[in-house]
Amino acid sequence: MESSFLTAIILPFSLALIMAGIGLELKITDFNIIFKRPKPVVVGLVAQMLLLPILGILVGIYMFNFSDPYIGAGFIIITLAPGGVTSNLMTLLAKGDLALSVSLTAIVSAITPFWMPFAASIILSKLPESQAIELDFISTFLKLIVITIIPIGIGMLINAKKHQWSLVLRKPVKVLSSIFL
C-alpha cells in the first residue's frame, strides 16, 4: 500500500499531538493509583487482549464465509490491536480515569507489536482465501513508541517542569485534538 502525505505525516503527527495533550494532563503520581487498584488494569487487559479479538474473529469468520474475505481479515487484525490514542482522547474529554486509560494503552502498545503479527498469522492461516500478513516487529514497535510513549512523556515533562505552560497549552491542544479526531 502506498503511503500518502496524509497517512505518512498528518496522521502520525495528529496522534502524537493528541498523546502530548494527554501528557499535559498527567503527573507521575497519577499512575500510583494503578498499582493500588490493579483490578481495573487486569479487567481492561483481558477485555482488550482476549474478549475483543474473540469478537473480531467471530465477525471476521462470518465476513470470510458470507461476504468479503479482506473485510473479514480487517476485522480480525483491528481487534488484535485494540486501544490507543482515540480511547485516551475520549477518556480525557469524558473526564474519565486518564491514568488507567494511558496505562492500558502503554501496556497494550508494548504487547501489540509482538502479539498482533503472531496471532494474525495463526488465525488467518486457518481461514480460507487469506494471505500471509507480515508486519515488521521492530518498525511497528518503534512507531508505537514514537506516536504514543514519547509524546505523553513530553507532555508530562512540560506539566512537571513548566506547569504554567501546561495549563496554557491544554485548551488549544484539546481543540486541535478534537479537530484531528
Protein backbone atom coordinates (compact mmCIF):
# COMPACT_ATOMS: atom_id res chain seq x y z
CA MET A 1 0.00 0.00 0.00
CA GLU A 2 1.34 3.39 -0.95
CA SER A 3 1.82 5.92 1.76
CA SER A 4 0.20 9.29 1.18
CA PHE A 5 1.11 12.58 2.82
CA LEU A 6 -1.98 12.18 4.98
CA THR A 7 -1.07 8.72 6.31
CA ALA A 8 2.69 9.26 6.42
CA ILE A 9 2.81 12.74 8.00
CA ILE A 10 -0.54 14.20 9.09
CA LEU A 11 -1.97 11.11 10.83
CA PRO A 12 1.15 10.30 12.91
CA PHE A 13 1.56 13.99 13.80
CA SER A 14 -2.11 14.19 14.83
CA LEU A 15 -1.82 11.09 17.01
CA ALA A 16 1.38 12.37 18.61
CA LEU A 17 -0.25 15.76 19.30
CA ILE A 18 -3.23 14.05 20.92
CA MET A 19 -0.88 11.98 23.10
CA ALA A 20 1.18 15.05 24.07
CA GLY A 21 -2.06 16.78 25.08
CA ILE A 22 -2.92 13.82 27.26
CA GLY A 23 0.53 14.01 28.83
CA LEU A 24 -0.12 17.69 29.69
CA GLU A 25 -2.90 16.44 31.99
CA LEU A 26 -0.86 13.74 33.74
CA LYS A 27 1.61 13.53 36.61
CA ILE A 28 3.74 10.55 37.64
CA THR A 29 1.70 10.27 40.83
CA ASP A 30 -1.44 9.63 38.75
CA PHE A 31 -0.03 6.19 37.98
CA ASN A 32 0.30 5.23 41.66
CA ILE A 33 -3.44 4.61 41.61
CA ILE A 34 -2.88 1.84 39.06
CA PHE A 35 -0.66 -0.11 41.46
CA LYS A 36 -3.07 0.45 44.32
CA ARG A 37 -6.01 -0.73 42.18
CA PRO A 38 -4.68 -3.38 39.76
CA LYS A 39 -8.11 -4.97 39.17
CA PRO A 40 -9.27 -2.37 36.58
CA VAL A 41 -5.97 -2.81 34.68
CA VAL A 42 -6.34 -6.60 34.61
CA VAL A 43 -10.00 -6.39 33.56
CA GLY A 44 -9.13 -3.87 30.84
CA LEU A 45 -6.29 -6.01 29.52
CA VAL A 46 -8.44 -9.16 29.45
CA ALA A 47 -11.19 -7.27 27.61
CA GLN A 48 -8.77 -5.71 25.12
CA MET A 49 -6.43 -8.63 24.50
CA LEU A 50 -8.87 -11.59 24.70
CA LEU A 51 -12.55 -10.68 24.54
CA LEU A 52 -12.32 -8.10 21.75
CA PRO A 53 -10.20 -10.38 19.50
CA ILE A 54 -12.66 -13.25 20.05
CA LEU A 55 -15.46 -10.97 18.88
CA GLY A 56 -13.34 -9.87 15.92
CA ILE A 57 -12.60 -13.46 14.98
CA LEU A 58 -16.32 -14.32 15.05
CA VAL A 59 -17.21 -11.32 12.88
CA GLY A 60 -14.19 -11.98 10.65
CA ILE A 61 -15.15 -15.61 10.10
CA TYR A 62 -18.68 -14.52 9.26
CA MET A 63 -17.33 -11.99 6.75
CA PHE A 64 -14.97 -14.59 5.27
CA ASN A 65 -17.84 -17.00 4.71
CA PHE A 66 -20.60 -14.65 3.60
CA SER A 67 -19.00 -11.51 2.25
CA ASP A 68 -15.52 -10.25 1.50
CA PRO A 69 -12.55 -12.15 2.99
CA TYR A 70 -10.48 -8.95 3.07
CA ILE A 71 -13.05 -7.24 5.28
CA GLY A 72 -13.07 -10.32 7.50
CA ALA A 73 -9.27 -10.19 7.76
CA GLY A 74 -9.52 -6.48 8.57
CA PHE A 75 -11.91 -7.15 11.46
CA ILE A 76 -9.55 -9.73 12.88
CA ILE A 77 -6.47 -7.51 12.58
CA ILE A 78 -8.19 -4.43 14.02
CA THR A 79 -9.39 -6.33 17.08
CA LEU A 80 -5.91 -7.75 17.67
CA ALA A 81 -4.63 -4.19 18.11
CA PRO A 82 -7.22 -2.58 20.39
CA GLY A 83 -6.95 0.58 22.41
CA GLY A 84 -4.83 3.54 21.56
CA VAL A 85 -4.82 7.25 21.12
CA THR A 86 -8.51 7.78 20.46
CA SER A 87 -9.56 5.93 23.60
CA ASN A 88 -7.22 8.16 25.60
CA LEU A 89 -8.69 11.28 24.00
CA MET A 90 -12.25 10.09 24.65
CA THR A 91 -11.30 9.37 28.26
CA LEU A 92 -9.81 12.86 28.57
CA LEU A 93 -12.86 14.54 27.05
CA ALA A 94 -15.21 12.45 29.23
CA LYS A 95 -13.15 13.29 32.33
CA GLY A 96 -12.56 9.57 32.95
CA ASP A 97 -9.65 7.80 34.59
CA LEU A 98 -6.92 9.07 32.28
CA ALA A 99 -4.08 7.33 34.11
CA LEU A 100 -5.89 3.99 33.71
CA SER A 101 -6.56 4.62 30.03
CA VAL A 102 -2.96 5.66 29.32
CA SER A 103 -1.63 2.72 31.34
CA LEU A 104 -3.74 0.30 29.31
CA THR A 105 -2.58 1.97 26.09
CA ALA A 106 1.06 1.73 27.17
CA ILE A 107 0.79 -1.94 28.15
CA VAL A 108 -1.16 -2.86 25.02
CA SER A 109 1.28 -0.85 22.87
CA ALA A 110 4.15 -2.87 24.30
CA ILE A 111 2.35 -6.19 23.73
CA THR A 112 0.75 -5.49 20.33
CA PRO A 113 3.87 -5.43 18.11
CA PHE A 114 4.59 -8.99 19.22
CA TRP A 115 1.07 -10.31 19.73
CA MET A 116 -0.65 -8.99 16.60
CA PRO A 117 1.62 -10.45 13.88
CA PHE A 118 1.82 -13.76 15.74
CA ALA A 119 -1.92 -14.08 16.38
CA ALA A 120 -2.91 -12.74 12.95
CA SER A 121 -0.70 -15.22 11.13
CA ILE A 122 -2.07 -18.16 13.14
CA ILE A 123 -5.73 -17.12 12.88
CA LEU A 124 -5.62 -16.10 9.23
CA SER A 125 -3.69 -19.22 8.19
CA LYS A 126 -6.69 -21.26 9.36
CA LEU A 127 -9.14 -19.30 7.22
CA PRO A 128 -9.69 -19.87 3.52
CA GLU A 129 -8.53 -17.28 0.98
CA SER A 130 -6.34 -15.40 3.47
CA GLN A 131 -2.88 -14.28 2.52
CA ALA A 132 0.04 -14.17 4.90
CA ILE A 133 0.24 -10.87 6.70
CA GLU A 134 3.69 -9.72 7.60
CA LEU A 135 4.42 -6.89 9.99
CA ASP A 136 7.91 -5.68 10.74
CA PHE A 137 8.18 -6.14 14.53
CA ILE A 138 10.85 -3.51 15.14
CA SER A 139 9.31 -0.90 12.85
CA THR A 140 5.85 -1.38 14.35
CA PHE A 141 7.19 -1.23 17.90
CA LEU A 142 9.25 1.91 17.22
CA LYS A 143 6.31 3.64 15.55
CA LEU A 144 4.12 2.91 18.57
CA ILE A 145 6.75 4.35 20.90
CA VAL A 146 7.23 7.47 18.76
CA ILE A 147 3.49 8.11 18.41
CA THR A 148 2.41 7.27 21.99
CA ILE A 149 5.04 6.95 24.71
CA ILE A 150 7.39 9.80 23.73
CA PRO A 151 4.63 12.44 23.21
CA ILE A 152 2.97 11.50 26.51
CA GLY A 153 6.37 11.78 28.20
CA ILE A 154 6.97 15.20 26.65
CA GLY A 155 3.55 16.40 27.81
CA MET A 156 4.15 15.05 31.32
CA LEU A 157 7.60 16.68 31.40
CA ILE A 158 6.09 20.04 30.42
CA ASN A 159 3.42 19.57 33.09
CA ALA A 160 6.05 18.74 35.74
CA LYS A 161 8.71 21.34 34.84
CA LYS A 162 6.66 24.17 33.32
CA HIS A 163 3.22 23.68 34.84
CA GLN A 164 2.02 27.15 33.74
CA TRP A 165 2.84 26.30 30.11
CA SER A 166 0.91 23.08 30.55
CA LEU A 167 -2.15 24.99 31.73
CA VAL A 168 -1.91 27.40 28.78
CA LEU A 169 -1.38 24.61 26.21
CA ARG A 170 -4.16 22.28 27.39
CA LYS A 171 -7.13 24.04 25.82
CA PRO A 172 -5.65 24.67 22.34
CA VAL A 173 -4.25 21.12 22.22
CA LYS A 174 -7.67 19.70 23.20
CA VAL A 175 -9.33 21.73 20.45
CA LEU A 176 -6.75 20.63 17.84
CA SER A 177 -7.01 17.04 19.04
CA SER A 178 -10.77 17.08 18.64
CA ILE A 179 -10.45 18.57 15.16
CA PHE A 180 -7.88 15.94 14.14
CA LEU A 181 -10.02 13.19 15.58
